[in-house]
Structures are given as C-alpha cells and as structure tokens.
C-alpha cells in the first residue's frame, strides 16, 4: 500500500496512522519529513492496511523495522 492509497482509509484509520507515526517519531527524535520518517509512515500505512488496529502494536512494529540509525560519534570519543 502506498501513501496515495490512504484515500481509501476511513477517518479512523488515517488517524491511527498519523497518531502512531507521530508517537514513534517523537519517541525516536525523527522528523516525519525525513527519510526515516517517511519510511515509518509507509510502514504504518501498510500495517493499518493489513488490519493492525492497536496504536501500541504499530509503534512497536515501527521500532523493529524503522529504527533510526545510531548516532555517529567522533572517533576521539569511541577509540582510545
């Protein structure tokens, strides 16, 4: 399911997608407009499209498949 197919969703399904992605992005400090944020949005649309209805389950699944990359630390902090 793509971003453009959300017009087939009910208002409740659209709210579920946006609230779950909003919670996930806030918890992970990811801008929804970023590459990772857009990937999470697409995943959430697919999850809701496949029948998932629990916001907590959607956020947990997004944590599994859309985790943001680990922050890069300067080598001077990592290597001693």
Protein backbone atom coordinates (compact mmCIF):
# COMPACT_ATOMS: atom_id res chain seq x y z
CA UNK A 1 0.00 0.00 0.00
CA UNK A 2 1.35 3.42 -0.86
CA UNK A 3 0.94 6.84 0.60
CA UNK A 4 -1.51 7.71 -2.18
CA UNK A 5 -3.85 4.86 -1.27
CA UNK A 6 -4.74 6.35 2.11
CA UNK A 7 -7.75 7.99 0.47
CA UNK A 8 -9.31 4.51 0.73
CA UNK A 9 -8.89 4.57 4.52
CA UNK A 10 -11.60 5.63 6.92
CA UNK A 11 -11.04 8.70 9.06
CA UNK A 12 -10.28 6.39 12.00
CA UNK A 13 -7.63 4.53 10.00
CA UNK A 14 -6.00 7.78 8.89
CA UNK A 15 -5.98 9.00 12.49
CA UNK A 16 -4.43 5.71 13.59
CA UNK A 17 -1.62 6.08 11.05
CA UNK A 18 -0.88 9.69 11.90
CA UNK A 19 -1.04 9.23 15.67
CA UNK A 20 1.15 6.11 15.63
CA UNK A 21 3.76 7.70 13.37
CA UNK A 22 3.64 10.86 15.47
CA UNK A 23 4.27 8.88 18.66
CA UNK A 24 7.05 6.87 17.03
CA UNK A 25 8.77 9.93 15.60
CA UNK A 26 8.60 11.80 18.90
CA UNK A 27 10.00 8.84 20.86
CA UNK A 28 12.82 8.37 18.38
CA UNK A 29 13.51 12.06 17.70
CA UNK A 30 12.88 11.59 13.98
CA UNK A 31 11.38 14.29 11.78
CA UNK A 32 8.39 12.81 9.96
CA UNK A 33 9.51 14.63 6.82
CA UNK A 34 12.92 12.95 6.91
CA UNK A 35 13.81 9.78 5.02
CA UNK A 36 13.33 7.66 8.15
CA UNK A 37 10.09 9.42 8.99
CA UNK A 38 8.69 8.78 5.54
CA UNK A 39 9.73 5.12 5.73
CA UNK A 40 7.88 4.82 9.05
CA UNK A 41 4.81 6.46 7.54
CA UNK A 42 4.78 3.99 4.64
CA UNK A 43 5.21 1.08 7.06
CA UNK A 44 2.37 2.34 9.27
CA UNK A 45 0.08 2.64 6.25
CA UNK A 46 0.91 -0.94 5.29
CA UNK A 47 0.30 -2.17 8.85
CA UNK A 48 -3.08 -0.47 9.12
CA UNK A 49 -3.94 -1.66 5.60
CA UNK A 50 -3.18 -5.23 6.67
CA UNK A 51 -5.58 -4.95 9.61
CA UNK A 52 -3.47 -3.84 12.56
CA UNK A 53 -5.59 -1.65 14.83
CA UNK A 54 -3.57 -1.17 18.02
CA UNK A 55 -1.52 2.03 18.12
CA UNK A 56 0.88 0.41 20.60
CA UNK A 57 1.41 -2.56 18.28
CA UNK A 58 2.03 -0.26 15.33
CA UNK A 59 4.58 1.81 17.26
CA UNK A 60 6.32 -1.38 18.47
CA UNK A 61 6.49 -2.71 14.91
CA UNK A 62 7.86 0.61 13.66
CA UNK A 63 10.54 0.37 16.36
CA UNK A 64 11.52 -3.01 14.93
CA UNK A 65 11.60 -2.12 11.23
CA UNK A 66 12.27 1.61 11.12
CA UNK A 67 14.74 2.23 13.89
CA UNK A 68 16.73 5.37 13.19
CA UNK A 69 20.45 4.89 12.67
CA UNK A 70 22.66 5.07 15.71
CA UNK A 71 24.19 8.49 16.16
CA UNK A 72 27.69 8.81 14.85
CA UNK A 73 30.17 9.78 17.49
CA UNK A 74 33.52 11.39 16.79
CA UNK A 75 36.26 8.78 16.65
CA UNK A 76 38.01 10.55 19.51
CA UNK A 77 35.11 9.55 21.78
CA UNK A 78 34.89 5.97 20.56
CA UNK A 79 38.54 4.99 20.17
CA UNK A 80 41.04 5.40 22.90
